[in-house]
């Protein structure tokens, strides 16, 4: 699956947590999200839309830009479901339940385990989550 196909598919299946996602679909989506997030953070910083924690400012200090920007935050919230959906479908492709996504709550070690699973090839043929995504016509 190519870059544009992956983006289109994930937006069309906005909140779809069933089925399987091939590696290319997952990683193209991650690249797309990262590119948009960097661009929006740049725009947030250039336009002064960065969120600033005022309680961290001392007397006479100017506000510094740090933290997430408003546009990037809105983008993240708007694309939360398709990002979660493709992650769950990717776990399904490796034969694991989508509930394993909760490993992200275990700080660094959980994220490392998930990244390893996302990198692994999917199970060959049909598994309990559906047919192999490479055999489907999208």
C-alpha atoms as a PDB file:
ATOM      1  CA  UNK A   1       0.000   0.000   0.000  1.00  0.00           C
ATOM      2  CA  UNK A   2       1.355   3.403  -0.959  1.00  0.00           C
ATOM      3  CA  UNK A   3       1.451   6.650   0.994  1.00  0.00           C
ATOM      4  CA  UNK A   4      -1.715   8.237  -0.413  1.00  0.00           C
ATOM      5  CA  UNK A   5      -3.644   4.952  -0.334  1.00  0.00           C
ATOM      6  CA  UNK A   6      -2.821   4.508   3.353  1.00  0.00           C
ATOM      7  CA  UNK A   7      -3.938   8.035   4.232  1.00  0.00           C
ATOM      8  CA  UNK A   8      -7.150   7.686   2.244  1.00  0.00           C
ATOM      9  CA  UNK A   9      -7.935   4.263   3.706  1.00  0.00           C
ATOM     10  CA  UNK A  10      -7.388   5.398   7.303  1.00  0.00           C
ATOM     11  CA  UNK A  11      -9.615   8.445   6.882  1.00  0.00           C
ATOM     12  CA  UNK A  12     -12.304   6.345   5.194  1.00  0.00           C
ATOM     13  CA  UNK A  13     -12.175   3.872   8.088  1.00  0.00           C
ATOM     14  CA  UNK A  14     -12.064   6.659  10.672  1.00  0.00           C
ATOM     15  CA  UNK A  15     -13.183   4.651  13.705  1.00  0.00           C
ATOM     16  CA  UNK A  16     -12.808   1.104  12.406  1.00  0.00           C
ATOM     17  CA  UNK A  17     -11.205  -1.206  14.955  1.00  0.00           C
ATOM     18  CA  UNK A  18     -11.990  -4.441  13.114  1.00  0.00           C
ATOM     19  CA  UNK A  19      -9.815  -6.218  10.618  1.00  0.00           C
ATOM     20  CA  UNK A  20      -6.109  -6.000   9.977  1.00  0.00           C
ATOM     21  CA  UNK A  21      -3.632  -3.362   8.790  1.00  0.00           C
ATOM     22  CA  UNK A  22      -0.463  -4.186   6.925  1.00  0.00           C
ATOM     23  CA  UNK A  23       2.850  -2.675   7.989  1.00  0.00           C
ATOM     24  CA  UNK A  24       2.984  -0.177   5.128  1.00  0.00           C
ATOM     25  CA  UNK A  25      -0.468   1.154   5.982  1.00  0.00           C
ATOM     26  CA  UNK A  26       0.530   1.699   9.605  1.00  0.00           C
ATOM     27  CA  UNK A  27       3.946   3.263   8.944  1.00  0.00           C
ATOM     28  CA  UNK A  28       2.758   5.535   6.111  1.00  0.00           C
ATOM     29  CA  UNK A  29       0.075   6.802   8.497  1.00  0.00           C
ATOM     30  CA  UNK A  30       2.699   7.445  11.195  1.00  0.00           C
ATOM     31  CA  UNK A  31       4.864   9.381   8.731  1.00  0.00           C
ATOM     32  CA  UNK A  32       1.875  11.425   7.569  1.00  0.00           C
ATOM     33  CA  UNK A  33       0.909  12.266  11.160  1.00  0.00           C
ATOM     34  CA  UNK A  34       4.473  13.270  12.032  1.00  0.00           C
ATOM     35  CA  UNK A  35       4.818  15.538   8.967  1.00  0.00           C
ATOM     36  CA  UNK A  36       1.514  17.316   9.651  1.00  0.00           C
ATOM     37  CA  UNK A  37       2.320  17.629  13.351  1.00  0.00           C
ATOM     38  CA  UNK A  38       5.723  19.245  12.618  1.00  0.00           C
ATOM     39  CA  UNK A  39       4.184  21.673  10.126  1.00  0.00           C
ATOM     40  CA  UNK A  40       1.382  22.653  12.512  1.00  0.00           C
ATOM     41  CA  UNK A  41       3.805  23.125  15.404  1.00  0.00           C
ATOM     42  CA  UNK A  42       5.916  25.383  13.187  1.00  0.00           C
ATOM     43  CA  UNK A  43       2.823  27.422  12.281  1.00  0.00           C
ATOM     44  CA  UNK A  44       1.796  27.545  15.947  1.00  0.00           C
ATOM     45  CA  UNK A  45       5.218  28.849  16.929  1.00  0.00           C
ATOM     46  CA  UNK A  46       5.396  31.369  14.070  1.00  0.00           C
ATOM     47  CA  UNK A  47       1.948  32.782  14.797  1.00  0.00           C
ATOM     48  CA  UNK A  48       2.217  32.754  18.581  1.00  0.00           C
ATOM     49  CA  UNK A  49      -0.406  30.066  19.033  1.00  0.00           C
ATOM     50  CA  UNK A  50       1.825  28.018  21.321  1.00  0.00           C
ATOM     51  CA  UNK A  51       0.391  27.203  24.704  1.00  0.00           C
ATOM     52  CA  UNK A  52       2.358  28.740  27.567  1.00  0.00           C
ATOM     53  CA  UNK A  53       2.096  27.797  31.203  1.00  0.00           C
ATOM     54  CA  UNK A  54       1.882  31.247  32.811  1.00  0.00           C
ATOM     55  CA  UNK A  55       2.486  29.887  36.327  1.00  0.00           C
ATOM     56  CA  UNK A  56       6.039  28.980  35.269  1.00  0.00           C
ATOM     57  CA  UNK A  57       6.837  32.601  34.469  1.00  0.00           C
ATOM     58  CA  UNK A  58       8.616  34.681  37.051  1.00  0.00           C
ATOM     59  CA  UNK A  59       8.201  38.419  37.568  1.00  0.00           C
ATOM     60  CA  UNK A  60       9.406  40.331  34.526  1.00  0.00           C
ATOM     61  CA  UNK A  61       9.985  37.219  32.400  1.00  0.00           C
ATOM     62  CA  UNK A  62       8.758  37.068  28.846  1.00  0.00           C
ATOM     63  CA  UNK A  63       6.685  34.089  27.795  1.00  0.00           C
ATOM     64  CA  UNK A  64       8.710  31.437  26.030  1.00  0.00           C
ATOM     65  CA  UNK A  65       7.295  29.059  23.473  1.00  0.00           C
ATOM     66  CA  UNK A  66       7.103  25.477  24.671  1.00  0.00           C
ATOM     67  CA  UNK A  67       4.523  22.751  24.903  1.00  0.00           C
ATOM     68  CA  UNK A  68       2.023  21.802  22.235  1.00  0.00           C
ATOM     69  CA  UNK A  69       0.547  24.340  19.902  1.00  0.00           C
ATOM     70  CA  UNK A  70      -3.149  24.973  19.500  1.00  0.00           C
ATOM     71  CA  UNK A  71      -3.354  23.828  15.861  1.00  0.00           C
ATOM     72  CA  UNK A  72      -1.244  20.732  16.540  1.00  0.00           C
ATOM     73  CA  UNK A  73      -3.408  19.863  19.544  1.00  0.00           C
ATOM     74  CA  UNK A  74      -6.629  20.219  17.547  1.00  0.00           C
ATOM     75  CA  UNK A  75      -5.099  18.073  14.783  1.00  0.00           C
ATOM     76  CA  UNK A  76      -4.097  15.424  17.303  1.00  0.00           C
ATOM     77  CA  UNK A  77      -7.595  15.298  18.766  1.00  0.00           C
ATOM     78  CA  UNK A  78      -9.227  15.226  15.326  1.00  0.00           C
ATOM     79  CA  UNK A  79      -7.077  12.297  14.197  1.00  0.00           C
ATOM     80  CA  UNK A  80      -7.071  10.381  17.474  1.00  0.00           C
ATOM     81  CA  UNK A  81      -9.618   7.771  16.353  1.00  0.00           C
ATOM     82  CA  UNK A  82      -8.030   6.919  12.987  1.00  0.00           C
ATOM     83  CA  UNK A  83      -4.604   6.724  14.653  1.00  0.00           C
ATOM     84  CA  UNK A  84      -5.922   4.431  17.347  1.00  0.00           C
ATOM     85  CA  UNK A  85      -7.828   2.413  14.746  1.00  0.00           C
ATOM     86  CA  UNK A  86      -4.796   1.744  12.553  1.00  0.00           C
ATOM     87  CA  UNK A  87      -2.721   0.825  15.621  1.00  0.00           C
ATOM     88  CA  UNK A  88      -5.353  -1.668  16.769  1.00  0.00           C
ATOM     89  CA  UNK A  89      -5.687  -3.127  13.265  1.00  0.00           C
ATOM     90  CA  UNK A  90      -1.894  -3.443  13.096  1.00  0.00           C
ATOM     91  CA  UNK A  91      -1.904  -5.397  16.364  1.00  0.00           C
ATOM     92  CA  UNK A  92      -4.652  -7.577  14.905  1.00  0.00           C
ATOM     93  CA  UNK A  93      -2.408  -8.303  11.921  1.00  0.00           C
ATOM     94  CA  UNK A  94       0.235  -9.690  14.286  1.00  0.00           C
ATOM     95  CA  UNK A  95      -2.401 -11.896  15.946  1.00  0.00           C
ATOM     96  CA  UNK A  96      -2.756  -9.757  19.079  1.00  0.00           C
ATOM     97  CA  UNK A  97      -5.782  -8.121  20.626  1.00  0.00           C
ATOM     98  CA  UNK A  98      -6.145  -4.369  20.290  1.00  0.00           C
ATOM     99  CA  UNK A  99      -6.213  -4.149  24.076  1.00  0.00           C
ATOM    100  CA  UNK A 100      -2.430  -4.588  23.989  1.00  0.00           C
ATOM    101  CA  UNK A 101      -2.351  -0.923  22.910  1.00  0.00           C
ATOM    102  CA  UNK A 102      -2.758  -0.125  26.607  1.00  0.00           C
ATOM    103  CA  UNK A 103       0.901  -1.074  27.036  1.00  0.00           C
ATOM    104  CA  UNK A 104       1.526   2.576  26.182  1.00  0.00           C
ATOM    105  CA  UNK A 105       0.521   3.301  29.769  1.00  0.00           C
ATOM    106  CA  UNK A 106       3.672   1.514  30.994  1.00  0.00           C
ATOM    107  CA  UNK A 107       5.961   4.433  30.225  1.00  0.00           C
ATOM    108  CA  UNK A 108       8.871   3.550  27.951  1.00  0.00           C
ATOM    109  CA  UNK A 109       8.923  -0.244  28.131  1.00  0.00           C
ATOM    110  CA  UNK A 110       5.339  -0.611  26.883  1.00  0.00           C
ATOM    111  CA  UNK A 111       5.973   1.673  23.905  1.00  0.00           C
ATOM    112  CA  UNK A 112       9.127  -0.238  23.003  1.00  0.00           C
ATOM    113  CA  UNK A 113       7.244  -3.543  23.045  1.00  0.00           C
ATOM    114  CA  UNK A 114       4.516  -2.090  20.820  1.00  0.00           C
ATOM    115  CA  UNK A 115       7.034  -0.693  18.339  1.00  0.00           C
ATOM    116  CA  UNK A 116       8.646  -4.127  18.054  1.00  0.00           C
ATOM    117  CA  UNK A 117       5.225  -5.679  17.416  1.00  0.00           C
ATOM    118  CA  UNK A 118       4.365  -2.992  14.831  1.00  0.00           C
ATOM    119  CA  UNK A 119       7.609  -3.791  12.990  1.00  0.00           C
ATOM    120  CA  UNK A 120       7.005  -7.550  12.946  1.00  0.00           C
ATOM    121  CA  UNK A 121       5.371  -9.078   9.869  1.00  0.00           C
ATOM    122  CA  UNK A 122       1.736 -10.028  10.190  1.00  0.00           C
ATOM    123  CA  UNK A 123       0.511 -13.582  10.465  1.00  0.00           C
ATOM    124  CA  UNK A 124       0.274 -15.414   7.154  1.00  0.00           C
ATOM    125  CA  UNK A 125      -3.212 -16.211   5.911  1.00  0.00           C
ATOM    126  CA  UNK A 126      -6.381 -15.631   7.832  1.00  0.00           C
ATOM    127  CA  UNK A 127      -6.282 -15.193  11.605  1.00  0.00           C
ATOM    128  CA  UNK A 128      -9.063 -14.596  14.141  1.00  0.00           C
ATOM    129  CA  UNK A 129      -9.261 -10.927  13.098  1.00  0.00           C
ATOM    130  CA  UNK A 130      -9.839 -11.527   9.404  1.00  0.00           C
ATOM    131  CA  UNK A 131      -8.098 -12.241   6.103  1.00  0.00           C
ATOM    132  CA  UNK A 132      -4.537 -11.212   5.398  1.00  0.00           C
ATOM    133  CA  UNK A 133      -4.562  -7.529   4.359  1.00  0.00           C
ATOM    134  CA  UNK A 134      -2.156  -8.106   1.482  1.00  0.00           C
ATOM    135  CA  UNK A 135      -4.732 -10.386  -0.140  1.00  0.00           C
ATOM    136  CA  UNK A 136      -7.540  -7.831   0.066  1.00  0.00           C
ATOM    137  CA  UNK A 137      -8.223  -5.417  -2.754  1.00  0.00           C
ATOM    138  CA  UNK A 138      -8.439  -1.896  -1.376  1.00  0.00           C
END
